[in-house]
């Protein structure tokens, strides 16, 4: 699935956290979470440059660090460093990949959808299967391995999903408060609920 800024547009106000394709956000229970209002925050998922090396001086200074794998395979974990600053607190994003019946050909690289390096963009290698990206947020510099870190709950976060051309292309969200579809121009998106608590836009 490629992302491109086109007339089909979704605007979501999320009570907790969610993002991109089939997305489920979880906050690990290791530490009591900090709750922040992210309504005015801008997020940058920049996968350019060289990855930081876990346990080294570049672990949190690089734009991203591969914790497990490179994000393309099942169970891979990638940490994006300082994706936003909310209420004076720098935030890291930890993204876990789950694949079913498909593979990722390009992991977060600007493509035909958009040249914006701050967007999280991936390409599937085929038209079958699905991908789940689990986004969890932590205070900057605290997450190193599973079960570590000071988790952050981001309230009122706004998510934009672009380049949904129908057919095999869709994006699903859960845990959000409400959503809006453009009326001028009118959207061609079809909204469905494949399971309880999950809303799909095709």
N, C-alpha and C. Protein backbone atom coordinates (compact mmCIF):
# COMPACT_ATOMS: atom_id res chain seq x y z
N UNK A 1 0.85 -1.19 0.00
CA UNK A 1 0.00 0.00 0.00
C UNK A 1 0.88 1.23 0.00
N UNK A 2 0.67 2.12 -0.96
CA UNK A 2 1.43 3.36 -1.03
C UNK A 2 0.56 4.50 -0.52
N UNK A 3 1.19 5.52 -0.01
CA UNK A 3 0.46 6.65 0.53
C UNK A 3 0.64 7.85 -0.39
N UNK A 4 -0.45 8.50 -0.77
CA UNK A 4 -0.39 9.65 -1.64
C UNK A 4 -1.46 10.61 -1.19
N UNK A 5 -1.14 11.90 -1.16
CA UNK A 5 -2.13 12.89 -0.75
C UNK A 5 -3.10 13.08 -1.90
N UNK A 6 -4.31 12.58 -1.74
CA UNK A 6 -5.33 12.68 -2.77
C UNK A 6 -6.63 13.12 -2.11
N UNK A 7 -7.70 13.18 -2.90
CA UNK A 7 -8.93 13.77 -2.38
C UNK A 7 -9.63 12.90 -1.36
N UNK A 8 -9.27 11.62 -1.30
CA UNK A 8 -9.87 10.75 -0.29
C UNK A 8 -9.09 10.93 1.00
N UNK A 9 -9.76 11.30 2.06
CA UNK A 9 -9.06 11.81 3.23
C UNK A 9 -9.84 11.48 4.49
N UNK A 10 -9.15 11.00 5.48
CA UNK A 10 -9.77 10.68 6.76
C UNK A 10 -9.13 11.52 7.84
N UNK A 11 -9.92 12.08 8.73
CA UNK A 11 -9.40 12.82 9.86
C UNK A 11 -9.96 12.18 11.12
N UNK A 12 -9.07 11.71 11.99
CA UNK A 12 -9.50 11.01 13.19
C UNK A 12 -9.01 11.71 14.44
N UNK A 13 -9.86 11.78 15.44
CA UNK A 13 -9.44 12.26 16.75
C UNK A 13 -9.41 11.05 17.66
N UNK A 14 -8.23 10.70 18.14
CA UNK A 14 -8.05 9.46 18.86
C UNK A 14 -8.02 9.73 20.36
N UNK A 15 -8.78 8.96 21.09
CA UNK A 15 -8.79 9.09 22.53
C UNK A 15 -7.53 8.52 23.13
N UNK A 16 -7.06 7.41 22.60
CA UNK A 16 -5.83 6.83 23.11
C UNK A 16 -4.76 6.99 22.04
N UNK A 17 -4.46 5.94 21.27
CA UNK A 17 -3.42 6.02 20.26
C UNK A 17 -3.72 5.02 19.16
N UNK A 18 -3.55 5.42 17.89
CA UNK A 18 -3.64 4.45 16.82
C UNK A 18 -3.11 5.04 15.53
N UNK A 19 -2.70 4.19 14.57
CA UNK A 19 -2.08 4.70 13.36
C UNK A 19 -1.89 3.65 12.29
N UNK A 20 -2.26 3.98 11.06
CA UNK A 20 -1.83 3.34 9.82
C UNK A 20 -2.23 1.88 9.62
N UNK A 21 -2.70 1.58 8.41
CA UNK A 21 -3.10 0.24 8.02
C UNK A 21 -4.01 -0.37 9.09
N UNK A 22 -3.80 -1.62 9.44
CA UNK A 22 -4.55 -2.21 10.55
C UNK A 22 -3.71 -1.96 11.78
N UNK A 23 -4.19 -1.12 12.67
CA UNK A 23 -3.35 -0.62 13.75
C UNK A 23 -3.99 -0.82 15.11
N UNK A 24 -3.21 -1.33 16.04
CA UNK A 24 -3.67 -1.51 17.41
C UNK A 24 -2.58 -0.93 18.31
N UNK A 25 -2.97 -0.07 19.23
CA UNK A 25 -2.00 0.55 20.11
C UNK A 25 -2.14 -0.04 21.50
N UNK A 26 -1.01 -0.44 22.08
CA UNK A 26 -1.01 -0.99 23.42
C UNK A 26 0.06 -0.29 24.25
N UNK A 27 -0.20 -0.14 25.52
CA UNK A 27 0.79 0.41 26.43
C UNK A 27 1.21 -0.68 27.40
N UNK A 28 2.46 -1.14 27.34
CA UNK A 28 2.90 -2.18 28.25
C UNK A 28 2.73 -1.76 29.71
N UNK A 29 2.39 -2.69 30.60
CA UNK A 29 2.05 -2.35 31.98
C UNK A 29 3.25 -2.26 32.92
N UNK A 30 4.47 -2.22 32.38
CA UNK A 30 5.65 -2.28 33.25
C UNK A 30 5.71 -1.11 34.22
N UNK A 31 5.36 0.08 33.76
CA UNK A 31 5.43 1.29 34.57
C UNK A 31 4.13 2.04 34.40
N UNK A 32 3.70 2.76 35.45
CA UNK A 32 2.48 3.56 35.35
C UNK A 32 2.64 4.58 34.24
N UNK A 33 1.66 4.65 33.35
CA UNK A 33 1.76 5.51 32.18
C UNK A 33 1.51 6.97 32.51
N UNK A 34 2.18 7.84 31.77
CA UNK A 34 1.93 9.27 31.83
C UNK A 34 0.91 9.60 30.76
N UNK A 35 -0.11 10.35 31.08
CA UNK A 35 -1.13 10.73 30.11
C UNK A 35 -0.93 12.18 29.69
N UNK A 36 -0.85 12.41 28.37
CA UNK A 36 -0.58 13.74 27.84
C UNK A 36 -1.61 14.09 26.76
N UNK A 37 -1.93 15.36 26.66
CA UNK A 37 -2.83 15.86 25.62
C UNK A 37 -1.99 16.22 24.40
N UNK A 38 -2.17 15.45 23.32
CA UNK A 38 -1.35 15.65 22.11
C UNK A 38 -2.10 16.40 21.02
N UNK A 39 -3.14 17.12 21.38
CA UNK A 39 -3.98 17.78 20.37
C UNK A 39 -3.21 18.81 19.54
N UNK A 40 -2.16 19.40 20.11
CA UNK A 40 -1.40 20.42 19.39
C UNK A 40 -0.05 19.90 18.89
N UNK A 41 0.20 18.63 19.06
CA UNK A 41 1.52 18.07 18.73
C UNK A 41 1.61 17.65 17.26
N UNK A 42 2.82 17.76 16.71
CA UNK A 42 3.13 17.25 15.38
C UNK A 42 4.11 16.09 15.53
N UNK A 43 3.91 15.03 14.75
CA UNK A 43 4.73 13.83 14.88
C UNK A 43 5.57 13.63 13.63
N UNK A 44 6.81 13.20 13.83
CA UNK A 44 7.74 12.97 12.72
C UNK A 44 8.28 11.55 12.82
N UNK A 45 7.97 10.73 11.81
CA UNK A 45 8.50 9.37 11.72
C UNK A 45 9.51 9.36 10.57
N UNK A 46 10.72 9.79 10.87
CA UNK A 46 11.77 9.94 9.85
C UNK A 46 12.69 8.73 9.87
N UNK A 47 12.63 7.95 8.79
CA UNK A 47 13.41 6.73 8.70
C UNK A 47 14.65 6.91 7.81
N UNK A 48 15.03 8.15 7.57
CA UNK A 48 16.18 8.42 6.72
C UNK A 48 17.47 8.36 7.53
N UNK A 49 18.59 8.27 6.82
CA UNK A 49 19.88 8.23 7.50
C UNK A 49 20.22 6.85 8.02
N UNK A 50 21.20 6.79 8.87
CA UNK A 50 21.70 5.53 9.42
C UNK A 50 21.02 5.22 10.74
N UNK A 51 20.64 3.96 10.91
CA UNK A 51 19.98 3.55 12.15
C UNK A 51 20.94 3.65 13.33
N UNK A 52 20.39 4.00 14.48
CA UNK A 52 21.19 3.99 15.69
C UNK A 52 21.49 2.55 16.10
N UNK A 53 22.52 2.38 16.87
CA UNK A 53 22.92 1.05 17.34
C UNK A 53 22.55 0.92 18.81
N UNK A 54 21.72 -0.07 19.12
CA UNK A 54 21.29 -0.28 20.51
C UNK A 54 22.49 -0.46 21.43
N UNK A 55 22.46 0.22 22.56
CA UNK A 55 23.54 0.10 23.52
C UNK A 55 24.74 0.98 23.25
N UNK A 56 24.68 1.77 22.15
CA UNK A 56 25.80 2.65 21.81
C UNK A 56 25.40 4.11 21.98
N UNK A 57 26.33 5.00 21.68
CA UNK A 57 26.06 6.43 21.81
C UNK A 57 25.00 6.91 20.83
N UNK A 58 24.80 6.16 19.74
CA UNK A 58 23.83 6.57 18.73
C UNK A 58 22.42 6.01 18.98
N UNK A 59 22.26 5.22 20.02
CA UNK A 59 20.99 4.53 20.26
C UNK A 59 19.81 5.48 20.29
N UNK A 60 19.98 6.66 20.91
CA UNK A 60 18.88 7.61 21.03
C UNK A 60 19.12 8.92 20.31
N UNK A 61 20.29 9.07 19.67
CA UNK A 61 20.55 10.29 18.93
C UNK A 61 20.20 10.15 17.46
N UNK A 62 20.22 8.94 16.93
CA UNK A 62 19.81 8.71 15.54
C UNK A 62 18.30 8.88 15.43
N UNK A 63 17.81 9.03 14.20
CA UNK A 63 16.38 9.23 14.00
C UNK A 63 15.58 7.98 14.37
N UNK A 64 16.19 6.82 14.20
CA UNK A 64 15.51 5.57 14.55
C UNK A 64 16.54 4.53 14.93
N UNK A 65 16.10 3.51 15.66
CA UNK A 65 16.97 2.41 16.08
C UNK A 65 16.23 1.10 15.89
N UNK A 66 16.85 0.15 15.23
CA UNK A 66 16.26 -1.18 15.06
C UNK A 66 16.49 -2.00 16.32
N UNK A 67 15.42 -2.27 17.05
CA UNK A 67 15.53 -3.05 18.28
C UNK A 67 15.57 -4.54 17.95
N UNK A 68 14.65 -4.98 17.09
CA UNK A 68 14.64 -6.36 16.59
C UNK A 68 14.42 -6.29 15.09
N UNK A 69 15.35 -6.79 14.28
CA UNK A 69 15.19 -6.77 12.84
C UNK A 69 15.18 -5.36 12.28
N UNK A 70 14.56 -5.23 11.10
CA UNK A 70 14.51 -3.93 10.43
C UNK A 70 13.09 -3.45 10.15
N UNK A 71 12.11 -4.09 10.80
CA UNK A 71 10.72 -3.69 10.63
C UNK A 71 9.96 -4.45 9.59
N UNK A 72 10.66 -5.20 8.71
CA UNK A 72 10.00 -5.87 7.59
C UNK A 72 9.43 -7.24 7.92
N UNK A 73 9.90 -7.84 9.00
CA UNK A 73 9.50 -9.22 9.30
C UNK A 73 8.61 -9.29 10.54
N UNK A 74 7.92 -10.41 10.67
CA UNK A 74 7.02 -10.61 11.79
C UNK A 74 7.77 -10.51 13.12
N UNK A 75 7.26 -9.71 14.03
CA UNK A 75 7.88 -9.56 15.34
C UNK A 75 8.99 -8.53 15.40
N UNK A 76 9.32 -7.91 14.27
CA UNK A 76 10.36 -6.87 14.28
C UNK A 76 9.90 -5.65 15.07
N UNK A 77 10.86 -4.98 15.70
CA UNK A 77 10.57 -3.80 16.52
C UNK A 77 11.53 -2.69 16.13
N UNK A 78 10.98 -1.53 15.79
CA UNK A 78 11.78 -0.35 15.46
C UNK A 78 11.36 0.79 16.37
N UNK A 79 12.35 1.47 16.95
CA UNK A 79 12.07 2.63 17.80
C UNK A 79 12.43 3.91 17.05
N UNK A 80 11.47 4.81 16.95
CA UNK A 80 11.71 6.14 16.39
C UNK A 80 11.98 7.09 17.55
N UNK A 81 13.11 7.77 17.49
CA UNK A 81 13.53 8.62 18.60
C UNK A 81 13.00 10.04 18.45
N UNK A 82 12.39 10.53 19.52
CA UNK A 82 11.87 11.90 19.60
C UNK A 82 10.95 12.20 18.41
N UNK A 83 9.84 11.48 18.33
CA UNK A 83 8.88 11.73 17.25
C UNK A 83 8.06 12.98 17.51
N UNK A 84 8.02 13.41 18.78
CA UNK A 84 7.27 14.61 19.15
C UNK A 84 7.69 15.05 20.54
N UNK A 85 7.37 16.28 20.86
CA UNK A 85 7.53 16.78 22.22
C UNK A 85 6.17 17.28 22.68
N UNK A 86 5.66 16.71 23.75
CA UNK A 86 4.33 17.05 24.25
C UNK A 86 4.45 17.52 25.69
N UNK A 87 3.97 18.71 25.97
CA UNK A 87 4.04 19.29 27.32
C UNK A 87 5.47 19.26 27.85
N UNK A 88 6.42 19.51 26.96
CA UNK A 88 7.82 19.55 27.36
C UNK A 88 8.49 18.20 27.49
N UNK A 89 7.76 17.12 27.20
CA UNK A 89 8.30 15.76 27.32
C UNK A 89 8.56 15.19 25.94
N UNK A 90 9.81 14.81 25.65
CA UNK A 90 10.16 14.19 24.37
C UNK A 90 9.62 12.76 24.35
N UNK A 91 9.08 12.36 23.19
CA UNK A 91 8.39 11.08 23.06
C UNK A 91 9.09 10.21 22.01
N UNK A 92 9.34 8.95 22.35
CA UNK A 92 9.80 7.95 21.39
C UNK A 92 8.63 7.05 21.01
N UNK A 93 8.62 6.56 19.77
CA UNK A 93 7.59 5.63 19.32
C UNK A 93 8.22 4.28 19.03
N UNK A 94 7.62 3.22 19.56
CA UNK A 94 8.09 1.86 19.35
C UNK A 94 7.06 1.14 18.49
N UNK A 95 7.47 0.68 17.31
CA UNK A 95 6.55 0.08 16.34
C UNK A 95 6.90 -1.38 16.15
N UNK A 96 5.91 -2.25 16.40
CA UNK A 96 6.08 -3.69 16.24
C UNK A 96 5.29 -4.15 15.02
N UNK A 97 5.91 -4.97 14.18
CA UNK A 97 5.30 -5.45 12.95
C UNK A 97 4.72 -6.85 13.14
N UNK A 98 3.49 -7.04 12.64
CA UNK A 98 2.86 -8.36 12.60
C UNK A 98 2.32 -8.59 11.19
N UNK A 99 2.74 -9.69 10.56
CA UNK A 99 2.36 -9.99 9.19
C UNK A 99 1.48 -11.23 9.13
N UNK A 100 0.49 -11.20 8.22
CA UNK A 100 -0.34 -12.37 7.95
C UNK A 100 -0.49 -12.52 6.44
N UNK A 101 0.15 -13.52 5.88
CA UNK A 101 -0.02 -13.83 4.48
C UNK A 101 0.54 -12.81 3.50
N UNK A 102 1.53 -12.03 3.93
CA UNK A 102 2.13 -11.04 3.04
C UNK A 102 3.53 -10.71 3.54
N UNK A 103 4.24 -9.89 2.80
CA UNK A 103 5.56 -9.40 3.21
C UNK A 103 5.64 -7.91 2.91
N UNK A 104 6.63 -7.26 3.50
CA UNK A 104 6.86 -5.83 3.28
C UNK A 104 8.05 -5.67 2.35
N UNK A 105 7.84 -5.00 1.24
CA UNK A 105 8.93 -4.79 0.29
C UNK A 105 9.73 -3.54 0.63
N UNK A 106 9.05 -2.51 1.13
CA UNK A 106 9.73 -1.26 1.51
C UNK A 106 9.18 -0.83 2.86
N UNK A 107 10.09 -0.65 3.83
CA UNK A 107 9.67 -0.24 5.17
C UNK A 107 9.96 1.24 5.35
N UNK A 108 8.92 2.02 5.50
CA UNK A 108 8.97 3.44 5.78
C UNK A 108 9.99 4.19 4.93
N UNK A 109 9.66 4.35 3.68
CA UNK A 109 10.47 5.14 2.77
C UNK A 109 9.56 5.94 1.88
N UNK A 110 9.84 7.23 1.68
CA UNK A 110 8.99 8.03 0.80
C UNK A 110 8.85 7.38 -0.58
N UNK A 111 7.62 7.30 -1.07
CA UNK A 111 7.37 6.66 -2.35
C UNK A 111 6.47 7.50 -3.21
N UNK A 112 5.68 6.86 -4.05
CA UNK A 112 4.81 7.61 -4.95
C UNK A 112 3.67 8.28 -4.19
N UNK A 113 3.41 7.83 -2.98
CA UNK A 113 2.33 8.42 -2.19
C UNK A 113 2.69 9.81 -1.73
N UNK A 114 3.88 9.97 -1.21
CA UNK A 114 4.30 11.27 -0.69
C UNK A 114 5.82 11.29 -0.54
N UNK A 115 6.40 12.45 -0.76
CA UNK A 115 7.83 12.63 -0.57
C UNK A 115 8.15 13.12 0.83
N UNK A 116 7.13 13.24 1.65
CA UNK A 116 7.31 13.74 3.01
C UNK A 116 7.97 12.68 3.89
N UNK A 117 9.17 12.94 4.37
CA UNK A 117 9.92 11.95 5.17
C UNK A 117 9.35 11.79 6.57
N UNK A 118 8.46 12.67 6.98
CA UNK A 118 7.89 12.54 8.33
C UNK A 118 6.72 11.56 8.37
N UNK A 119 6.21 11.14 7.18
CA UNK A 119 5.11 10.19 7.13
C UNK A 119 5.63 8.77 7.31
N UNK A 120 4.83 7.93 7.95
CA UNK A 120 5.15 6.51 8.06
C UNK A 120 4.54 5.82 6.85
N UNK A 121 5.40 5.30 5.95
CA UNK A 121 4.94 4.75 4.68
C UNK A 121 5.58 3.39 4.42
N UNK A 122 4.77 2.43 4.01
CA UNK A 122 5.31 1.10 3.67
C UNK A 122 4.70 0.63 2.36
N UNK A 123 5.38 -0.34 1.74
CA UNK A 123 4.84 -1.00 0.56
C UNK A 123 4.72 -2.49 0.83
N UNK A 124 3.53 -3.03 0.55
CA UNK A 124 3.35 -4.48 0.60
C UNK A 124 3.88 -5.09 -0.69
N UNK A 125 4.33 -6.33 -0.60
CA UNK A 125 4.88 -7.00 -1.78
C UNK A 125 3.81 -7.66 -2.64
N UNK A 126 2.59 -7.80 -2.10
CA UNK A 126 1.51 -8.42 -2.87
C UNK A 126 0.17 -7.87 -2.40
N UNK A 127 -0.91 -8.33 -3.03
CA UNK A 127 -2.24 -7.81 -2.72
C UNK A 127 -3.00 -8.67 -1.72
N UNK A 128 -2.33 -9.65 -1.15
CA UNK A 128 -3.00 -10.54 -0.20
C UNK A 128 -2.54 -10.25 1.22
N UNK A 129 -3.22 -10.85 2.18
CA UNK A 129 -2.80 -10.75 3.58
C UNK A 129 -3.00 -9.37 4.18
N UNK A 130 -2.46 -9.20 5.37
CA UNK A 130 -2.61 -7.94 6.09
C UNK A 130 -1.38 -7.68 6.96
N UNK A 131 -1.23 -6.43 7.36
CA UNK A 131 -0.12 -6.02 8.22
C UNK A 131 -0.69 -5.25 9.40
N UNK A 132 -0.25 -5.58 10.59
CA UNK A 132 -0.61 -4.82 11.79
C UNK A 132 0.65 -4.13 12.30
N UNK A 133 0.56 -2.83 12.50
CA UNK A 133 1.63 -2.08 13.15
C UNK A 133 1.13 -1.65 14.53
N UNK A 134 1.82 -2.11 15.54
CA UNK A 134 1.46 -1.77 16.92
C UNK A 134 2.35 -0.61 17.35
N UNK A 135 1.74 0.55 17.59
CA UNK A 135 2.47 1.74 18.01
C UNK A 135 2.34 1.93 19.53
N UNK A 136 3.46 2.03 20.20
CA UNK A 136 3.47 2.34 21.63
C UNK A 136 4.40 3.52 21.85
N UNK A 137 4.07 4.37 22.79
CA UNK A 137 4.84 5.60 23.00
C UNK A 137 5.46 5.62 24.40
N UNK A 138 6.68 6.15 24.47
CA UNK A 138 7.45 6.17 25.72
C UNK A 138 8.17 7.50 25.88
N UNK A 139 8.48 7.82 27.12
CA UNK A 139 9.36 8.96 27.36
C UNK A 139 10.69 8.69 26.66
N UNK A 140 11.21 9.71 26.03
CA UNK A 140 12.44 9.57 25.27
C UNK A 140 13.57 8.99 26.13
N UNK A 141 14.26 8.00 25.56
CA UNK A 141 15.43 7.44 26.20
C UNK A 141 15.17 6.37 27.23
N UNK A 142 13.90 5.97 27.41
CA UNK A 142 13.60 4.99 28.47
C UNK A 142 13.35 3.58 27.95
N UNK A 143 12.96 3.44 26.68
CA UNK A 143 12.67 2.11 26.14
C UNK A 143 13.91 1.54 25.45
N UNK A 144 14.33 0.35 25.89
CA UNK A 144 15.47 -0.33 25.26
C UNK A 144 15.12 -1.74 24.81
N UNK A 145 14.32 -2.46 25.60
CA UNK A 145 13.88 -3.81 25.25
C UNK A 145 12.44 -3.97 25.74
N UNK A 146 11.80 -5.06 25.33
CA UNK A 146 10.42 -5.32 25.75
C UNK A 146 10.32 -5.31 27.27
N UNK A 147 9.31 -4.60 27.78
CA UNK A 147 9.09 -4.52 29.22
C UNK A 147 9.79 -3.35 29.88
N UNK A 148 10.62 -2.63 29.13
CA UNK A 148 11.32 -1.48 29.69
C UNK A 148 10.58 -0.19 29.31
N UNK A 149 11.04 0.92 29.83
CA UNK A 149 10.53 2.22 29.42
C UNK A 149 9.39 2.75 30.25
N UNK A 150 9.22 4.07 30.17
CA UNK A 150 8.12 4.76 30.83
C UNK A 150 7.04 5.05 29.79
N UNK A 151 5.95 4.29 29.78
CA UNK A 151 4.93 4.45 28.73
C UNK A 151 4.18 5.77 28.83
N UNK A 152 3.71 6.21 27.69
CA UNK A 152 2.96 7.46 27.60
C UNK A 152 1.65 7.19 26.86
N UNK A 153 0.54 7.66 27.40
CA UNK A 153 -0.75 7.62 26.73
C UNK A 153 -0.99 8.99 26.12
N UNK A 154 -1.19 9.03 24.82
CA UNK A 154 -1.42 10.29 24.12
C UNK A 154 -2.90 10.44 23.82
N UNK A 155 -3.51 11.44 24.40
CA UNK A 155 -4.92 11.71 24.16
C UNK A 155 -5.08 12.77 23.08
N UNK A 156 -6.20 12.69 22.34
CA UNK A 156 -6.56 13.68 21.33
C UNK A 156 -5.51 13.79 20.23
N UNK A 157 -4.95 12.66 19.85
CA UNK A 157 -3.98 12.64 18.76
C UNK A 157 -4.72 12.56 17.43
N UNK A 158 -4.27 13.30 16.44
CA UNK A 158 -4.92 13.34 15.13
C UNK A 158 -4.13 12.49 14.15
N UNK A 159 -4.82 11.62 13.43
CA UNK A 159 -4.20 10.70 12.50
C UNK A 159 -4.76 10.93 11.10
N UNK A 160 -3.88 10.98 10.12
CA UNK A 160 -4.29 11.13 8.73
C UNK A 160 -3.92 9.87 7.96
N UNK A 161 -4.86 9.32 7.22
CA UNK A 161 -4.61 8.14 6.41
C UNK A 161 -4.87 8.51 4.96
N UNK A 162 -3.88 8.27 4.07
CA UNK A 162 -4.00 8.72 2.69
C UNK A 162 -3.76 7.58 1.70
N UNK A 163 -4.15 7.81 0.46
CA UNK A 163 -3.94 6.89 -0.66
C UNK A 163 -4.61 5.54 -0.43
N UNK A 164 -5.90 5.56 -0.17
CA UNK A 164 -6.69 4.34 -0.07
C UNK A 164 -7.50 4.24 -1.35
N UNK A 165 -7.09 3.33 -2.23
CA UNK A 165 -7.67 3.27 -3.56
C UNK A 165 -8.75 2.19 -3.72
N UNK A 166 -9.20 1.62 -2.61
CA UNK A 166 -10.24 0.61 -2.68
C UNK A 166 -9.69 -0.76 -3.00
N UNK A 167 -10.59 -1.73 -3.17
CA UNK A 167 -10.17 -3.09 -3.47
C UNK A 167 -9.39 -3.69 -2.33
N UNK A 168 -8.12 -4.03 -2.57
CA UNK A 168 -7.30 -4.66 -1.55
C UNK A 168 -6.68 -3.64 -0.60
N UNK A 169 -6.88 -2.35 -0.85
CA UNK A 169 -6.28 -1.32 -0.01
C UNK A 169 -7.30 -0.82 1.02
N UNK A 170 -6.90 -0.86 2.25
CA UNK A 170 -7.77 -0.36 3.31
C UNK A 170 -6.91 -0.04 4.52
N UNK A 171 -7.50 0.70 5.44
CA UNK A 171 -6.84 0.97 6.71
C UNK A 171 -7.88 0.80 7.81
N UNK A 172 -7.47 0.21 8.91
CA UNK A 172 -8.40 -0.07 10.01
C UNK A 172 -7.87 0.55 11.30
N UNK A 173 -8.78 1.00 12.14
CA UNK A 173 -8.41 1.64 13.40
C UNK A 173 -9.27 1.10 14.53
N UNK A 174 -8.72 1.14 15.74
CA UNK A 174 -9.49 0.81 16.92
C UNK A 174 -9.10 1.77 18.04
N UNK A 175 -9.94 1.89 19.04
CA UNK A 175 -9.62 2.69 20.21
C UNK A 175 -9.76 4.19 20.01
N UNK A 176 -10.45 4.62 18.93
CA UNK A 176 -10.56 6.06 18.72
C UNK A 176 -11.94 6.56 19.13
N UNK A 177 -12.03 7.88 19.25
CA UNK A 177 -13.25 8.51 19.75
C UNK A 177 -14.23 8.83 18.63
N UNK A 178 -13.73 9.42 17.53
CA UNK A 178 -14.60 9.72 16.41
C UNK A 178 -13.76 9.93 15.15
N UNK A 179 -14.42 9.99 14.00
CA UNK A 179 -13.72 10.22 12.74
C UNK A 179 -14.58 11.10 11.84
N UNK A 180 -13.91 11.73 10.86
CA UNK A 180 -14.60 12.59 9.91
C UNK A 180 -14.13 12.25 8.51
N UNK A 181 -15.07 12.23 7.55
CA UNK A 181 -14.75 12.03 6.14
C UNK A 181 -15.05 13.33 5.39
N UNK A 182 -14.23 13.64 4.40
CA UNK A 182 -14.44 14.87 3.65
C UNK A 182 -15.76 14.83 2.89
N UNK A 183 -16.43 15.97 2.86
CA UNK A 183 -17.69 16.09 2.12
C UNK A 183 -17.52 16.95 0.88
N UNK A 184 -16.47 17.74 0.82
CA UNK A 184 -16.23 18.59 -0.34
C UNK A 184 -14.73 18.64 -0.62
N UNK A 185 -14.25 17.84 -1.58
CA UNK A 185 -15.03 16.92 -2.42
C UNK A 185 -15.50 15.70 -1.63
N UNK A 186 -16.56 15.08 -2.08
CA UNK A 186 -17.12 13.93 -1.38
C UNK A 186 -16.16 12.74 -1.46
N UNK A 187 -16.04 12.04 -0.36
CA UNK A 187 -15.16 10.88 -0.33
C UNK A 187 -15.82 9.68 -0.99
N UNK A 188 -14.99 8.79 -1.54
CA UNK A 188 -15.47 7.53 -2.10
C UNK A 188 -15.20 6.37 -1.15
N UNK A 189 -14.73 6.68 0.02
CA UNK A 189 -14.39 5.63 0.98
C UNK A 189 -15.64 4.89 1.46
N UNK A 190 -15.47 3.60 1.68
CA UNK A 190 -16.53 2.77 2.25
C UNK A 190 -16.12 2.42 3.68
N UNK A 191 -17.00 2.65 4.62
CA UNK A 191 -16.72 2.39 6.03
C UNK A 191 -17.43 1.12 6.46
N UNK A 192 -16.70 0.21 7.09
CA UNK A 192 -17.28 -1.04 7.57
C UNK A 192 -16.70 -1.38 8.93
N UNK A 193 -17.28 -2.37 9.59
CA UNK A 193 -16.81 -2.81 10.90
C UNK A 193 -16.63 -4.33 10.85
N UNK A 194 -15.42 -4.80 10.46
CA UNK A 194 -15.20 -6.24 10.31
C UNK A 194 -15.25 -7.02 11.61
N UNK A 195 -15.02 -6.35 12.74
CA UNK A 195 -15.10 -6.99 14.04
C UNK A 195 -15.39 -5.94 15.09
N UNK A 196 -15.78 -6.38 16.28
CA UNK A 196 -16.15 -5.46 17.34
C UNK A 196 -14.98 -4.54 17.68
N UNK A 197 -15.25 -3.23 17.67
CA UNK A 197 -14.25 -2.26 18.06
C UNK A 197 -13.29 -1.87 16.96
N UNK A 198 -13.44 -2.46 15.76
CA UNK A 198 -12.52 -2.21 14.66
C UNK A 198 -13.30 -1.59 13.50
N UNK A 199 -12.83 -0.43 13.02
CA UNK A 199 -13.48 0.26 11.91
C UNK A 199 -12.53 0.28 10.72
N UNK A 200 -13.04 -0.14 9.55
CA UNK A 200 -12.22 -0.24 8.34
C UNK A 200 -12.68 0.79 7.30
N UNK A 201 -11.70 1.43 6.66
CA UNK A 201 -11.96 2.39 5.59
C UNK A 201 -11.35 1.82 4.31
N UNK A 202 -12.20 1.61 3.29
CA UNK A 202 -11.76 1.00 2.03
C UNK A 202 -12.08 1.94 0.87
